[in-house]
Amino acid sequence: GIGMSAAEIEQALEPFRQLATSRRHGGTGLGLPLTKALVEANRGALSITSAKREGTLVEIVLPRTRVLAE
């Protein structure tokens, strides 16, 4: 992406919300909220680092017990 401010990150994490810059590509506004919910349901953490006009990094950390098959 083209980067987001802290306020835009909060908005992007709300279901069915899209930033003005993302509408040209379509979508439903569920990608980040759904990802966050799945990560949290598996006791993981989602981190978003972003800078306007530079880009966005989304990191997901899952506990070993949720990743490895038993």
C-alpha atoms as a PDB file:
ATOM      1  CA  GLY A   1       0.000   0.000   0.000  1.00  0.00           C
ATOM      2  CA  ILE A   2       0.909   3.657  -0.009  1.00  0.00           C
ATOM      3  CA  GLY A   3       1.047   3.948   3.769  1.00  0.00           C
ATOM      4  CA  MET A   4      -1.415   5.034   6.444  1.00  0.00           C
ATOM      5  CA  SER A   5      -1.530   7.394   9.388  1.00  0.00           C
ATOM      6  CA  ALA A   6      -2.363   6.079  12.871  1.00  0.00           C
ATOM      7  CA  ALA A   7      -5.969   7.258  12.436  1.00  0.00           C
ATOM      8  CA  GLU A   8      -6.223   5.506   9.068  1.00  0.00           C
ATOM      9  CA  ILE A   9      -4.897   2.263  10.581  1.00  0.00           C
ATOM     10  CA  GLU A  10      -7.654   2.381  13.205  1.00  0.00           C
ATOM     11  CA  GLN A  11     -10.211   2.981  10.458  1.00  0.00           C
ATOM     12  CA  ALA A  12      -8.846   0.145   8.297  1.00  0.00           C
ATOM     13  CA  LEU A  13      -9.231  -2.282  11.221  1.00  0.00           C
ATOM     14  CA  GLU A  14     -12.984  -1.615  11.433  1.00  0.00           C
ATOM     15  CA  PRO A  15     -15.165  -4.088   9.479  1.00  0.00           C
ATOM     16  CA  PHE A  16     -16.590  -2.822   6.183  1.00  0.00           C
ATOM     17  CA  ARG A  17     -14.506   0.369   6.318  1.00  0.00           C
ATOM     18  CA  GLN A  18     -12.182   1.299   3.496  1.00  0.00           C
ATOM     19  CA  LEU A  19      -9.801   4.172   3.147  1.00  0.00           C
ATOM     20  CA  ALA A  20     -10.371   6.543   0.247  1.00  0.00           C
ATOM     21  CA  THR A  21      -7.101   5.375  -1.308  1.00  0.00           C
ATOM     22  CA  SER A  22      -8.177   1.701  -1.352  1.00  0.00           C
ATOM     23  CA  ARG A  23     -11.560   2.114  -3.058  1.00  0.00           C
ATOM     24  CA  ARG A  24     -10.061   2.261  -6.512  1.00  0.00           C
ATOM     25  CA  HIS A  25      -9.108  -1.393  -6.081  1.00  0.00           C
ATOM     26  CA  GLY A  26     -12.495  -2.564  -4.788  1.00  0.00           C
ATOM     27  CA  GLY A  27     -13.017  -4.972  -1.931  1.00  0.00           C
ATOM     28  CA  THR A  28     -15.309  -5.244   1.043  1.00  0.00           C
ATOM     29  CA  GLY A  29     -13.161  -3.799   3.808  1.00  0.00           C
ATOM     30  CA  LEU A  30     -12.855  -7.114   5.618  1.00  0.00           C
ATOM     31  CA  GLY A  31      -9.233  -8.103   4.969  1.00  0.00           C
ATOM     32  CA  LEU A  32      -7.510  -6.534   7.975  1.00  0.00           C
ATOM     33  CA  PRO A  33     -10.422  -6.942  10.451  1.00  0.00           C
ATOM     34  CA  LEU A  34     -10.806 -10.621   9.558  1.00  0.00           C
ATOM     35  CA  THR A  35      -7.059 -11.214   9.762  1.00  0.00           C
ATOM     36  CA  LYS A  36      -6.918  -9.497  13.160  1.00  0.00           C
ATOM     37  CA  ALA A  37      -9.835 -11.589  14.466  1.00  0.00           C
ATOM     38  CA  LEU A  38      -8.260 -14.856  13.279  1.00  0.00           C
ATOM     39  CA  VAL A  39      -4.895 -13.960  14.798  1.00  0.00           C
ATOM     40  CA  GLU A  40      -6.445 -13.000  18.144  1.00  0.00           C
ATOM     41  CA  ALA A  41      -8.615 -16.160  18.158  1.00  0.00           C
ATOM     42  CA  ASN A  42      -5.372 -18.126  17.974  1.00  0.00           C
ATOM     43  CA  ARG A  43      -3.779 -16.147  20.815  1.00  0.00           C
ATOM     44  CA  GLY A  44      -1.499 -14.305  18.439  1.00  0.00           C
ATOM     45  CA  ALA A  45      -0.593 -10.679  17.886  1.00  0.00           C
ATOM     46  CA  LEU A  46      -1.006  -8.430  14.853  1.00  0.00           C
ATOM     47  CA  SER A  47       1.214  -5.388  14.463  1.00  0.00           C
ATOM     48  CA  ILE A  48       0.910  -2.689  11.804  1.00  0.00           C
ATOM     49  CA  THR A  49       3.716  -0.233  11.075  1.00  0.00           C
ATOM     50  CA  SER A  50       3.030   2.348   8.391  1.00  0.00           C
ATOM     51  CA  ALA A  51       4.290   5.642   7.024  1.00  0.00           C
ATOM     52  CA  LYS A  52       2.396   7.829   4.558  1.00  0.00           C
ATOM     53  CA  ARG A  53       3.776   7.645   1.008  1.00  0.00           C
ATOM     54  CA  GLU A  54       6.248   4.937   2.075  1.00  0.00           C
ATOM     55  CA  GLY A  55       4.275   1.765   2.746  1.00  0.00           C
ATOM     56  CA  THR A  56       2.825  -0.568   5.338  1.00  0.00           C
ATOM     57  CA  LEU A  57       4.218  -3.580   7.170  1.00  0.00           C
ATOM     58  CA  VAL A  58       1.780  -6.005   8.806  1.00  0.00           C
ATOM     59  CA  GLU A  59       3.362  -8.579  11.124  1.00  0.00           C
ATOM     60  CA  ILE A  60       1.613 -11.593  12.612  1.00  0.00           C
ATOM     61  CA  VAL A  61       3.056 -13.574  15.507  1.00  0.00           C
ATOM     62  CA  LEU A  62       1.415 -16.854  16.484  1.00  0.00           C
ATOM     63  CA  PRO A  63       2.331 -18.966  19.516  1.00  0.00           C
ATOM     64  CA  ARG A  64       4.204 -22.144  18.684  1.00  0.00           C
ATOM     65  CA  THR A  65       1.390 -24.253  20.159  1.00  0.00           C
ATOM     66  CA  ARG A  66      -1.066 -22.785  17.620  1.00  0.00           C
ATOM     67  CA  VAL A  67       1.193 -23.405  14.612  1.00  0.00           C
ATOM     68  CA  LEU A  68       2.698 -26.851  15.088  1.00  0.00           C
ATOM     69  CA  ALA A  69       0.570 -29.914  14.463  1.00  0.00           C
ATOM     70  CA  GLU A  70       0.341 -32.360  17.332  1.00  0.00           C
END
